């Protein structure tokens, strides 16, 4: 799965590859068509349940979709801090490791 695109673009690509209409996918997921359209345009965040349903519907790895979604959140957060973005991501990675060890202590 291509993860360098946004979550919405990834969902749109999955739908387009299968030549499915928004309505078909929205109906299968039991969500409103406008909700799916907004997710594809990255103007609405999906819930974890919607991500799970998308993974099942398109037969893709749920972890990959979650990584795509969460990485969007991180990227949008640091995007405007161009001169610090790389350093912020490195420090965040270290903090994740620290917090994991602290949590298990």
PDB file of N, CA and C in Angstrom:
ATOM      1  N   UNK A   1       0.843  -1.179   0.000  1.00  0.00           N
ATOM      2  CA  UNK A   1       0.000   0.000   0.000  1.00  0.00           C
ATOM      3  C   UNK A   1       0.886   1.240   0.000  1.00  0.00           C
ATOM      4  N   UNK A   2       0.521   2.227  -0.764  1.00  0.00           N
ATOM      5  CA  UNK A   2       1.296   3.462  -0.857  1.00  0.00           C
ATOM      6  C   UNK A   2       0.933   4.360   0.318  1.00  0.00           C
ATOM      7  N   UNK A   3       1.912   4.655   1.164  1.00  0.00           N
ATOM      8  CA  UNK A   3       1.641   5.436   2.362  1.00  0.00           C
ATOM      9  C   UNK A   3       2.121   6.884   2.261  1.00  0.00           C
ATOM     10  N   UNK A   4       2.763   7.259   1.157  1.00  0.00           N
ATOM     11  CA  UNK A   4       3.229   8.644   1.064  1.00  0.00           C
ATOM     12  C   UNK A   4       2.111   9.602   0.662  1.00  0.00           C
ATOM     13  N   UNK A   5       0.999   9.068   0.207  1.00  0.00           N
ATOM     14  CA  UNK A   5      -0.163   9.901  -0.094  1.00  0.00           C
ATOM     15  C   UNK A   5      -0.967  10.093   1.179  1.00  0.00           C
ATOM     16  N   UNK A   6      -1.904  11.031   1.143  1.00  0.00           N
ATOM     17  CA  UNK A   6      -2.739  11.243   2.325  1.00  0.00           C
ATOM     18  C   UNK A   6      -3.694  10.067   2.511  1.00  0.00           C
ATOM     19  N   UNK A   7      -4.256   9.977   3.706  1.00  0.00           N
ATOM     20  CA  UNK A   7      -5.219   8.926   3.994  1.00  0.00           C
ATOM     21  C   UNK A   7      -6.379   8.993   3.003  1.00  0.00           C
ATOM     22  N   UNK A   8      -6.906  10.173   2.804  1.00  0.00           N
ATOM     23  CA  UNK A   8      -8.033  10.338   1.885  1.00  0.00           C
ATOM     24  C   UNK A   8      -7.697   9.913   0.465  1.00  0.00           C
ATOM     25  N   UNK A   9      -6.510  10.294  -0.002  1.00  0.00           N
ATOM     26  CA  UNK A   9      -6.081   9.889  -1.345  1.00  0.00           C
ATOM     27  C   UNK A   9      -5.930   8.376  -1.438  1.00  0.00           C
ATOM     28  N   UNK A  10      -5.474   7.769  -0.359  1.00  0.00           N
ATOM     29  CA  UNK A  10      -5.326   6.313  -0.323  1.00  0.00           C
ATOM     30  C   UNK A  10      -6.683   5.639  -0.453  1.00  0.00           C
ATOM     31  N   UNK A  11      -7.668   6.131   0.301  1.00  0.00           N
ATOM     32  CA  UNK A  11      -9.022   5.566   0.232  1.00  0.00           C
ATOM     33  C   UNK A  11      -9.601   5.762  -1.167  1.00  0.00           C
ATOM     34  N   UNK A  12      -9.415   6.933  -1.716  1.00  0.00           N
ATOM     35  CA  UNK A  12      -9.932   7.222  -3.065  1.00  0.00           C
ATOM     36  C   UNK A  12      -9.294   6.286  -4.093  1.00  0.00           C
ATOM     37  N   UNK A  13      -7.989   6.057  -3.950  1.00  0.00           N
ATOM     38  CA  UNK A  13      -7.287   5.161  -4.876  1.00  0.00           C
ATOM     39  C   UNK A  13      -7.825   3.738  -4.768  1.00  0.00           C
ATOM     40  N   UNK A  14      -8.050   3.278  -3.553  1.00  0.00           N
ATOM     41  CA  UNK A  14      -8.609   1.935  -3.364  1.00  0.00           C
ATOM     42  C   UNK A  14      -9.977   1.827  -4.037  1.00  0.00           C
ATOM     43  N   UNK A  15     -10.787   2.858  -3.879  1.00  0.00           N
ATOM     44  CA  UNK A  15     -12.122   2.849  -4.473  1.00  0.00           C
ATOM     45  C   UNK A  15     -12.043   2.917  -6.002  1.00  0.00           C
ATOM     46  N   UNK A  16     -11.186   3.794  -6.510  1.00  0.00           N
ATOM     47  CA  UNK A  16     -11.044   3.944  -7.965  1.00  0.00           C
ATOM     48  C   UNK A  16     -10.499   2.685  -8.627  1.00  0.00           C
ATOM     49  N   UNK A  17      -9.541   2.037  -7.976  1.00  0.00           N
ATOM     50  CA  UNK A  17      -8.963   0.814  -8.529  1.00  0.00           C
ATOM     51  C   UNK A  17     -10.017  -0.267  -8.743  1.00  0.00           C
ATOM     52  N   UNK A  18     -11.012  -0.250  -7.891  1.00  0.00           N
ATOM     53  CA  UNK A  18     -12.086  -1.254  -7.986  1.00  0.00           C
ATOM     54  C   UNK A  18     -13.296  -0.733  -8.762  1.00  0.00           C
ATOM     55  N   UNK A  19     -13.141   0.488  -9.291  1.00  0.00           N
ATOM     56  CA  UNK A  19     -14.185   1.135 -10.091  1.00  0.00           C
ATOM     57  C   UNK A  19     -15.523   1.169  -9.337  1.00  0.00           C
ATOM     58  N   UNK A  20     -15.442   1.599  -8.080  1.00  0.00           N
ATOM     59  CA  UNK A  20     -16.629   1.682  -7.236  1.00  0.00           C
ATOM     60  C   UNK A  20     -17.064   3.135  -7.086  1.00  0.00           C
ATOM     61  N   UNK A  21     -18.353   3.337  -6.969  1.00  0.00           N
ATOM     62  CA  UNK A  21     -18.884   4.675  -6.736  1.00  0.00           C
ATOM     63  C   UNK A  21     -18.891   4.956  -5.245  1.00  0.00           C
ATOM     64  N   UNK A  22     -18.871   6.251  -4.924  1.00  0.00           N
ATOM     65  CA  UNK A  22     -18.933   6.657  -3.527  1.00  0.00           C
ATOM     66  C   UNK A  22     -20.119   6.011  -2.820  1.00  0.00           C
ATOM     67  N   UNK A  23     -21.267   6.035  -3.469  1.00  0.00           N
ATOM     68  CA  UNK A  23     -22.487   5.503  -2.866  1.00  0.00           C
ATOM     69  C   UNK A  23     -22.346   4.025  -2.517  1.00  0.00           C
ATOM     70  N   UNK A  24     -21.719   3.253  -3.412  1.00  0.00           N
ATOM     71  CA  UNK A  24     -21.552   1.814  -3.150  1.00  0.00           C
ATOM     72  C   UNK A  24     -20.737   1.572  -1.886  1.00  0.00           C
ATOM     73  N   UNK A  25     -19.632   2.281  -1.778  1.00  0.00           N
ATOM     74  CA  UNK A  25     -18.753   2.094  -0.630  1.00  0.00           C
ATOM     75  C   UNK A  25     -19.414   2.624   0.640  1.00  0.00           C
ATOM     76  N   UNK A  26     -20.012   3.802   0.550  1.00  0.00           N
ATOM     77  CA  UNK A  26     -20.685   4.386   1.721  1.00  0.00           C
ATOM     78  C   UNK A  26     -21.796   3.468   2.217  1.00  0.00           C
ATOM     79  N   UNK A  27     -22.575   2.925   1.310  1.00  0.00           N
ATOM     80  CA  UNK A  27     -23.646   2.005   1.697  1.00  0.00           C
ATOM     81  C   UNK A  27     -23.082   0.764   2.386  1.00  0.00           C
ATOM     82  N   UNK A  28     -22.017   0.220   1.839  1.00  0.00           N
ATOM     83  CA  UNK A  28     -21.407  -0.987   2.417  1.00  0.00           C
ATOM     84  C   UNK A  28     -20.849  -0.713   3.815  1.00  0.00           C
ATOM     85  N   UNK A  29     -20.340   0.504   4.022  1.00  0.00           N
ATOM     86  CA  UNK A  29     -19.768   0.862   5.319  1.00  0.00           C
ATOM     87  C   UNK A  29     -20.825   1.384   6.289  1.00  0.00           C
ATOM     88  N   UNK A  30     -22.023   1.599   5.758  1.00  0.00           N
ATOM     89  CA  UNK A  30     -23.125   2.160   6.555  1.00  0.00           C
ATOM     90  C   UNK A  30     -22.778   3.546   7.098  1.00  0.00           C
ATOM     91  N   UNK A  31     -22.218   4.377   6.191  1.00  0.00           N
ATOM     92  CA  UNK A  31     -21.966   5.779   6.521  1.00  0.00           C
ATOM     93  C   UNK A  31     -22.567   6.636   5.418  1.00  0.00           C
ATOM     94  N   UNK A  32     -22.745   7.897   5.712  1.00  0.00           N
ATOM     95  CA  UNK A  32     -23.314   8.824   4.747  1.00  0.00           C
ATOM     96  C   UNK A  32     -22.336   9.059   3.600  1.00  0.00           C
ATOM     97  N   UNK A  33     -22.867   9.211   2.407  1.00  0.00           N
ATOM     98  CA  UNK A  33     -22.019   9.425   1.232  1.00  0.00           C
ATOM     99  C   UNK A  33     -21.176  10.691   1.380  1.00  0.00           C
ATOM    100  N   UNK A  34     -21.758  11.734   1.990  1.00  0.00           N
ATOM    101  CA  UNK A  34     -21.001  12.978   2.165  1.00  0.00           C
ATOM    102  C   UNK A  34     -19.846  12.788   3.145  1.00  0.00           C
ATOM    103  N   UNK A  35     -20.025  11.902   4.128  1.00  0.00           N
ATOM    104  CA  UNK A  35     -18.946  11.604   5.078  1.00  0.00           C
ATOM    105  C   UNK A  35     -17.774  10.963   4.353  1.00  0.00           C
ATOM    106  N   UNK A  36     -18.062   9.991   3.508  1.00  0.00           N
ATOM    107  CA  UNK A  36     -16.992   9.331   2.751  1.00  0.00           C
ATOM    108  C   UNK A  36     -16.307  10.316   1.809  1.00  0.00           C
ATOM    109  N   UNK A  37     -17.088  11.165   1.156  1.00  0.00           N
ATOM    110  CA  UNK A  37     -16.505  12.159   0.246  1.00  0.00           C
ATOM    111  C   UNK A  37     -15.572  13.096   1.011  1.00  0.00           C
ATOM    112  N   UNK A  38     -15.968  13.514   2.197  1.00  0.00           N
ATOM    113  CA  UNK A  38     -15.130  14.402   3.002  1.00  0.00           C
ATOM    114  C   UNK A  38     -13.873  13.689   3.489  1.00  0.00           C
ATOM    115  N   UNK A  39     -13.988  12.410   3.819  1.00  0.00           N
ATOM    116  CA  UNK A  39     -12.800  11.639   4.213  1.00  0.00           C
ATOM    117  C   UNK A  39     -11.823  11.587   3.042  1.00  0.00           C
ATOM    118  N   UNK A  40     -12.336  11.322   1.838  1.00  0.00           N
ATOM    119  CA  UNK A  40     -11.467  11.258   0.662  1.00  0.00           C
ATOM    120  C   UNK A  40     -10.820  12.606   0.350  1.00  0.00           C
ATOM    121  N   UNK A  41     -11.484  13.700   0.694  1.00  0.00           N
ATOM    122  CA  UNK A  41     -10.941  15.045   0.449  1.00  0.00           C
ATOM    123  C   UNK A  41     -10.109  15.546   1.627  1.00  0.00           C
ATOM    124  N   UNK A  42      -9.973  14.709   2.647  1.00  0.00           N
ATOM    125  CA  UNK A  42      -9.201  15.054   3.852  1.00  0.00           C
ATOM    126  C   UNK A  42      -9.783  16.243   4.613  1.00  0.00           C
ATOM    127  N   UNK A  43     -11.097  16.417   4.515  1.00  0.00           N
ATOM    128  CA  UNK A  43     -11.739  17.495   5.270  1.00  0.00           C
ATOM    129  C   UNK A  43     -12.489  16.947   6.478  1.00  0.00           C
ATOM    130  N   UNK A  44     -12.501  15.634   6.619  1.00  0.00           N
ATOM    131  CA  UNK A  44     -13.113  14.998   7.782  1.00  0.00           C
ATOM    132  C   UNK A  44     -12.264  13.797   8.189  1.00  0.00           C
ATOM    133  N   UNK A  45     -12.059  13.660   9.480  1.00  0.00           N
ATOM    134  CA  UNK A  45     -11.276  12.535   9.986  1.00  0.00           C
ATOM    135  C   UNK A  45     -12.192  11.338  10.198  1.00  0.00           C
ATOM    136  N   UNK A  46     -11.738  10.167   9.790  1.00  0.00           N
ATOM    137  CA  UNK A  46     -12.547   8.968  10.031  1.00  0.00           C
ATOM    138  C   UNK A  46     -12.403   8.501  11.474  1.00  0.00           C
ATOM    139  N   UNK A  47     -13.395   7.815  11.958  1.00  0.00           N
ATOM    140  CA  UNK A  47     -13.278   7.184  13.268  1.00  0.00           C
ATOM    141  C   UNK A  47     -12.474   5.900  13.107  1.00  0.00           C
ATOM    142  N   UNK A  48     -12.045   5.366  14.217  1.00  0.00           N
ATOM    143  CA  UNK A  48     -11.324   4.096  14.176  1.00  0.00           C
ATOM    144  C   UNK A  48     -12.222   3.005  13.589  1.00  0.00           C
ATOM    145  N   UNK A  49     -13.525   3.050  13.909  1.00  0.00           N
ATOM    146  CA  UNK A  49     -14.459   2.058  13.391  1.00  0.00           C
ATOM    147  C   UNK A  49     -14.570   2.150  11.870  1.00  0.00           C
ATOM    148  N   UNK A  50     -14.564   3.363  11.337  1.00  0.00           N
ATOM    149  CA  UNK A  50     -14.628   3.528   9.878  1.00  0.00           C
ATOM    150  C   UNK A  50     -13.348   2.996   9.238  1.00  0.00           C
ATOM    151  N   UNK A  51     -12.212   3.248   9.871  1.00  0.00           N
ATOM    152  CA  UNK A  51     -10.946   2.727   9.338  1.00  0.00           C
ATOM    153  C   UNK A  51     -10.984   1.198   9.331  1.00  0.00           C
ATOM    154  N   UNK A  52     -11.500   0.600  10.388  1.00  0.00           N
ATOM    155  CA  UNK A  52     -11.624  -0.865  10.451  1.00  0.00           C
ATOM    156  C   UNK A  52     -12.531  -1.367   9.325  1.00  0.00           C
ATOM    157  N   UNK A  53     -13.660  -0.699   9.118  1.00  0.00           N
ATOM    158  CA  UNK A  53     -14.589  -1.103   8.058  1.00  0.00           C
ATOM    159  C   UNK A  53     -13.960  -0.952   6.681  1.00  0.00           C
ATOM    160  N   UNK A  54     -13.215   0.132   6.470  1.00  0.00           N
ATOM    161  CA  UNK A  54     -12.534   0.334   5.185  1.00  0.00           C
ATOM    162  C   UNK A  54     -11.532  -0.786   4.924  1.00  0.00           C
ATOM    163  N   UNK A  55     -10.766  -1.148   5.944  1.00  0.00           N
ATOM    164  CA  UNK A  55      -9.774  -2.215   5.791  1.00  0.00           C
ATOM    165  C   UNK A  55     -10.449  -3.528   5.415  1.00  0.00           C
ATOM    166  N   UNK A  56     -11.529  -3.839   6.105  1.00  0.00           N
ATOM    167  CA  UNK A  56     -12.247  -5.081   5.791  1.00  0.00           C
ATOM    168  C   UNK A  56     -12.859  -5.014   4.397  1.00  0.00           C
ATOM    169  N   UNK A  57     -13.488  -3.907   4.068  1.00  0.00           N
ATOM    170  CA  UNK A  57     -14.180  -3.776   2.784  1.00  0.00           C
ATOM    171  C   UNK A  57     -13.202  -3.918   1.616  1.00  0.00           C
ATOM    172  N   UNK A  58     -12.051  -3.250   1.732  1.00  0.00           N
ATOM    173  CA  UNK A  58     -11.082  -3.283   0.634  1.00  0.00           C
ATOM    174  C   UNK A  58     -10.063  -4.410   0.774  1.00  0.00           C
ATOM    175  N   UNK A  59     -10.197  -5.229   1.806  1.00  0.00           N
ATOM    176  CA  UNK A  59      -9.267  -6.342   2.063  1.00  0.00           C
ATOM    177  C   UNK A  59      -7.821  -5.867   2.104  1.00  0.00           C
ATOM    178  N   UNK A  60      -7.593  -4.832   2.898  1.00  0.00           N
ATOM    179  CA  UNK A  60      -6.243  -4.325   3.101  1.00  0.00           C
ATOM    180  C   UNK A  60      -5.924  -4.393   4.584  1.00  0.00           C
ATOM    181  N   UNK A  61      -4.661  -4.278   4.894  1.00  0.00           N
ATOM    182  CA  UNK A  61      -4.192  -4.364   6.262  1.00  0.00           C
ATOM    183  C   UNK A  61      -4.676  -3.141   7.055  1.00  0.00           C
ATOM    184  N   UNK A  62      -5.378  -3.405   8.145  1.00  0.00           N
ATOM    185  CA  UNK A  62      -5.885  -2.309   8.984  1.00  0.00           C
ATOM    186  C   UNK A  62      -4.738  -1.466   9.537  1.00  0.00           C
ATOM    187  N   UNK A  63      -3.645  -2.109   9.891  1.00  0.00           N
ATOM    188  CA  UNK A  63      -2.484  -1.387  10.421  1.00  0.00           C
ATOM    189  C   UNK A  63      -1.987  -0.365   9.399  1.00  0.00           C
ATOM    190  N   UNK A  64      -1.931  -0.754   8.128  1.00  0.00           N
ATOM    191  CA  UNK A  64      -1.476   0.168   7.087  1.00  0.00           C
ATOM    192  C   UNK A  64      -2.375   1.402   7.007  1.00  0.00           C
ATOM    193  N   UNK A  65      -3.695   1.191   7.087  1.00  0.00           N
ATOM    194  CA  UNK A  65      -4.614   2.331   7.045  1.00  0.00           C
ATOM    195  C   UNK A  65      -4.460   3.203   8.293  1.00  0.00           C
ATOM    196  N   UNK A  66      -4.275   2.576   9.447  1.00  0.00           N
ATOM    197  CA  UNK A  66      -4.079   3.356  10.674  1.00  0.00           C
ATOM    198  C   UNK A  66      -2.784   4.173  10.602  1.00  0.00           C
ATOM    199  N   UNK A  67      -1.730   3.558  10.081  1.00  0.00           N
ATOM    200  CA  UNK A  67      -0.463   4.285   9.920  1.00  0.00           C
ATOM    201  C   UNK A  67      -0.649   5.455   8.961  1.00  0.00           C
ATOM    202  N   UNK A  68      -1.368   5.238   7.874  1.00  0.00           N
ATOM    203  CA  UNK A  68      -1.625   6.325   6.924  1.00  0.00           C
ATOM    204  C   UNK A  68      -2.380   7.459   7.602  1.00  0.00           C
ATOM    205  N   UNK A  69      -3.381   7.124   8.383  1.00  0.00           N
ATOM    206  CA  UNK A  69      -4.192   8.136   9.056  1.00  0.00           C
ATOM    207  C   UNK A  69      -3.392   8.890  10.120  1.00  0.00           C
ATOM    208  N   UNK A  70      -2.729   8.155  11.002  1.00  0.00           N
ATOM    209  CA  UNK A  70      -1.987   8.799  12.090  1.00  0.00           C
ATOM    210  C   UNK A  70      -0.819   9.610  11.548  1.00  0.00           C
ATOM    211  N   UNK A  71      -0.148   9.102  10.525  1.00  0.00           N
ATOM    212  CA  UNK A  71       0.972   9.851   9.960  1.00  0.00           C
ATOM    213  C   UNK A  71       0.501  11.151   9.317  1.00  0.00           C
ATOM    214  N   UNK A  72      -0.723  11.169   8.770  1.00  0.00           N
ATOM    215  CA  UNK A  72      -1.300  12.426   8.275  1.00  0.00           C
ATOM    216  C   UNK A  72      -1.393  13.436   9.410  1.00  0.00           C
ATOM    217  N   UNK A  73      -1.915  12.983  10.537  1.00  0.00           N
ATOM    218  CA  UNK A  73      -2.086  13.875  11.690  1.00  0.00           C
ATOM    219  C   UNK A  73      -0.751  14.479  12.113  1.00  0.00           C
ATOM    220  N   UNK A  74       0.262  13.631  12.184  1.00  0.00           N
ATOM    221  CA  UNK A  74       1.593  14.104  12.573  1.00  0.00           C
ATOM    222  C   UNK A  74       2.144  15.063  11.515  1.00  0.00           C
ATOM    223  N   UNK A  75       2.021  14.696  10.255  1.00  0.00           N
ATOM    224  CA  UNK A  75       2.557  15.527   9.171  1.00  0.00           C
ATOM    225  C   UNK A  75       1.899  16.909   9.154  1.00  0.00           C
ATOM    226  N   UNK A  76       0.568  16.951   9.299  1.00  0.00           N
ATOM    227  CA  UNK A  76      -0.121  18.235   9.318  1.00  0.00           C
ATOM    228  C   UNK A  76       0.308  19.071  10.521  1.00  0.00           C
ATOM    229  N   UNK A  77       0.596  18.409  11.635  1.00  0.00           N
ATOM    230  CA  UNK A  77       1.005  19.113  12.852  1.00  0.00           C
ATOM    231  C   UNK A  77       2.353  19.804  12.674  1.00  0.00           C
ATOM    232  N   UNK A  78       3.319  19.148  12.018  1.00  0.00           N
ATOM    233  CA  UNK A  78       4.673  19.714  11.905  1.00  0.00           C
ATOM    234  C   UNK A  78       4.944  20.384  10.560  1.00  0.00           C
ATOM    235  N   UNK A  79       4.016  20.281   9.639  1.00  0.00           N
ATOM    236  CA  UNK A  79       4.218  20.768   8.271  1.00  0.00           C
ATOM    237  C   UNK A  79       4.626  22.246   8.209  1.00  0.00           C
ATOM    238  N   UNK A  80       4.052  23.070   9.040  1.00  0.00           N
ATOM    239  CA  UNK A  80       4.339  24.499   8.979  1.00  0.00           C
ATOM    240  C   UNK A  80       5.642  24.887   9.673  1.00  0.00           C
ATOM    241  N   UNK A  81       6.260  23.946  10.333  1.00  0.00           N
ATOM    242  CA  UNK A  81       7.518  24.188  11.035  1.00  0.00           C
ATOM    243  C   UNK A  81       8.667  23.581  10.240  1.00  0.00           C
ATOM    244  N   UNK A  82       8.808  24.012   8.992  1.00  0.00           N
ATOM    245  CA  UNK A  82       9.762  23.395   8.064  1.00  0.00           C
ATOM    246  C   UNK A  82      11.173  23.269   8.615  1.00  0.00           C
ATOM    247  N   UNK A  83      11.665  24.313   9.268  1.00  0.00           N
ATOM    248  CA  UNK A  83      13.049  24.243   9.719  1.00  0.00           C
ATOM    249  C   UNK A  83      13.234  23.307  10.911  1.00  0.00           C
ATOM    250  N   UNK A  84      12.141  22.958  11.600  1.00  0.00           N
ATOM    251  CA  UNK A  84      12.228  22.084  12.765  1.00  0.00           C
ATOM    252  C   UNK A  84      11.609  20.709  12.542  1.00  0.00           C
ATOM    253  N   UNK A  85      10.916  20.515  11.450  1.00  0.00           N
ATOM    254  CA  UNK A  85      10.104  19.305  11.252  1.00  0.00           C
ATOM    255  C   UNK A  85      10.890  18.010  11.447  1.00  0.00           C
ATOM    256  N   UNK A  86      12.029  17.890  10.813  1.00  0.00           N
ATOM    257  CA  UNK A  86      12.813  16.662  10.919  1.00  0.00           C
ATOM    258  C   UNK A  86      13.272  16.424  12.349  1.00  0.00           C
ATOM    259  N   UNK A  87      13.730  17.475  12.997  1.00  0.00           N
ATOM    260  CA  UNK A  87      14.183  17.346  14.386  1.00  0.00           C
ATOM    261  C   UNK A  87      13.016  16.983  15.310  1.00  0.00           C
ATOM    262  N   UNK A  88      11.871  17.595  15.085  1.00  0.00           N
ATOM    263  CA  UNK A  88      10.684  17.295  15.889  1.00  0.00           C
ATOM    264  C   UNK A  88      10.320  15.818  15.760  1.00  0.00           C
ATOM    265  N   UNK A  89      10.359  15.302  14.548  1.00  0.00           N
ATOM    266  CA  UNK A  89      10.010  13.892  14.336  1.00  0.00           C
ATOM    267  C   UNK A  89      11.011  12.959  15.011  1.00  0.00           C
ATOM    268  N   UNK A  90      12.283  13.312  14.976  1.00  0.00           N
ATOM    269  CA  UNK A  90      13.302  12.487  15.644  1.00  0.00           C
ATOM    270  C   UNK A  90      13.098  12.486  17.154  1.00  0.00           C
ATOM    271  N   UNK A  91      12.846  13.658  17.707  1.00  0.00           N
ATOM    272  CA  UNK A  91      12.627  13.755  19.152  1.00  0.00           C
ATOM    273  C   UNK A  91      11.344  13.022  19.536  1.00  0.00           C
ATOM    274  N   UNK A  92      10.309  13.159  18.722  1.00  0.00           N
ATOM    275  CA  UNK A  92       9.045  12.463  18.997  1.00  0.00           C
ATOM    276  C   UNK A  92       9.257  10.953  19.020  1.00  0.00           C
ATOM    277  N   UNK A  93      10.072  10.449  18.110  1.00  0.00           N
ATOM    278  CA  UNK A  93      10.362   9.014  18.088  1.00  0.00           C
ATOM    279  C   UNK A  93      11.048   8.583  19.387  1.00  0.00           C
ATOM    280  N   UNK A  94      11.998   9.397  19.847  1.00  0.00           N
ATOM    281  CA  UNK A  94      12.675   9.095  21.106  1.00  0.00           C
ATOM    282  C   UNK A  94      11.695   9.143  22.275  1.00  0.00           C
ATOM    283  N   UNK A  95      10.792  10.109  22.252  1.00  0.00           N
ATOM    284  CA  UNK A  95       9.818  10.234  23.335  1.00  0.00           C
ATOM    285  C   UNK A  95       8.851   9.057  23.355  1.00  0.00           C
ATOM    286  N   UNK A  96       8.493   8.564  22.193  1.00  0.00           N
ATOM    287  CA  UNK A  96       7.623   7.386  22.141  1.00  0.00           C
ATOM    288  C   UNK A  96       8.317   6.219  22.830  1.00  0.00           C
ATOM    289  N   UNK A  97       9.584   6.015  22.525  1.00  0.00           N
ATOM    290  CA  UNK A  97      10.334   4.932  23.163  1.00  0.00           C
ATOM    291  C   UNK A  97      10.414   5.144  24.675  1.00  0.00           C
ATOM    292  N   UNK A  98      10.685   6.372  25.094  1.00  0.00           N
ATOM    293  CA  UNK A  98      10.763   6.687  26.526  1.00  0.00           C
ATOM    294  C   UNK A  98       9.419   6.413  27.202  1.00  0.00           C
ATOM    295  N   UNK A  99       8.351   6.875  26.601  1.00  0.00           N
ATOM    296  CA  UNK A  99       7.025   6.696  27.202  1.00  0.00           C
ATOM    297  C   UNK A  99       6.615   5.229  27.257  1.00  0.00           C
ATOM    298  N   UNK A 100       7.035   4.455  26.261  1.00  0.00           N
ATOM    299  CA  UNK A 100       6.755   3.012  26.292  1.00  0.00           C
ATOM    300  C   UNK A 100       7.451   2.354  27.484  1.00  0.00           C
ATOM    301  N   UNK A 101       8.724   2.702  27.694  1.00  0.00           N
ATOM    302  CA  UNK A 101       9.456   2.096  28.811  1.00  0.00           C
ATOM    303  C   UNK A 101       8.902   2.563  30.138  1.00  0.00           C
ATOM    304  N   UNK A 102       8.500   3.810  30.215  1.00  0.00           N
ATOM    305  CA  UNK A 102       7.936   4.355  31.443  1.00  0.00           C
ATOM    306  C   UNK A 102       6.598   3.688  31.766  1.00  0.00           C
ATOM    307  N   UNK A 103       5.826   3.400  30.720  1.00  0.00           N
ATOM    308  CA  UNK A 103       4.511   2.774  30.880  1.00  0.00           C
ATOM    309  C   UNK A 103       4.631   1.358  31.426  1.00  0.00           C
ATOM    310  N   UNK A 104       5.669   0.641  31.015  1.00  0.00           N
ATOM    311  CA  UNK A 104       5.847  -0.752  31.451  1.00  0.00           C
ATOM    312  C   UNK A 104       6.528  -0.837  32.827  1.00  0.00           C
ATOM    313  N   UNK A 105       7.034   0.267  33.327  1.00  0.00           N
ATOM    314  CA  UNK A 105       7.721   0.259  34.644  1.00  0.00           C
ATOM    315  C   UNK A 105       6.730   0.248  35.780  1.00  0.00           C
TER     316      UNK A 105
END
